[in-house]
Amino acid sequence: MTLRADKITFAYGPTRPALRQVTIAMRPGELLGVIGPNGSGKSTLLRALAGLIACPDGCVCLDDAPLVSFGRKALARRIAFLPQNTEAAFEFTCEEIVALGRFPYLGGLGFLGGEDLAVVRRCMEQTDTLSLAGRPLGSLSGGERQRIWIASILAQSADHLLLDEPTSALDIQHQAEVFALLQTVSRQGNAVAVVAHDLNLAAQFCDRLALMSVGKIVCEGTPDEVMRLTNLAPVYGGNVAVATNPVTGGPLVVVLAAERLTTEPLP
């Protein structure tokens, strides 16, 4: 159950390279955080891993088989992808949106069975959205909608989950709850990868981090290994410092004002 990219490249045009010889693997039981500044290739990497773009060089493989060898439903049973921006074409209820995640398992008539309905309910409970089941998606706040979409990809019951900035519209309480949920999902044997801009959330919850810059993975390892000033400063600029989180004991990234710039870690 391994999803792996091996030396993949991709460009949006002759002057817009997005991925440059990227190699990375998702591991069952692990929450992988993909971090880096805007334009570093994070979203493109997840789209490649989901099989949504074709890379002219390298290969994306699932269990050593190229993604192109899988049918649509077969791939959807193995890989679930939540993009950065999600829209519903019709005015579905929240429960109907979550039920869309069961598409890969529906028979010819397209009806949900008892097991499907139980999965939908469980995923809405996990994301604290069950009370929203009958409401139209368009009536929700941005944060509530995002939690519905997260419930929908959980309902796919895939063993590989790819989420592109899933907490961008959430308050700090729900951000932490979503990361804790993804951590729990990974501990159940799933491989989970999440693009995150909040370095401290990523450091707190992720088992492994991949730091990207200009289409390459420049550093990969545990949060303690990646969240070092020597790794972060060249990527994010010199206005960052790394301290120790007084609560978790892990790394804490701090953005400094210009007058506080330093090349040394904080105490």
Foldseek 3Di string as FASTA:
>chain_A
DKKWWAQFWDAPDPVGTQAGGATDMFFFLFEEEEEFDPSQNPQVVLCVSLVNDDTPDTAIDDVNHGPVVDDPLRSLLAEFEAHPDDDDPDFDFLLVLLLVLCVSPADPVRDDDPVLSVLSCVLCVLLVNNVRRGPTLVVDAPQNNLSSNVSNSVSNNHLEYEYEASCPRDDPVSVLSVLVSVSVSSNVTGGYYYYHHQLVSCLQRGQKYFYGGNNYRPDIGHQQRQPQLVNVCVRPHQQKAWDADPPRRTIDIDGHDPVPGDSYHDD
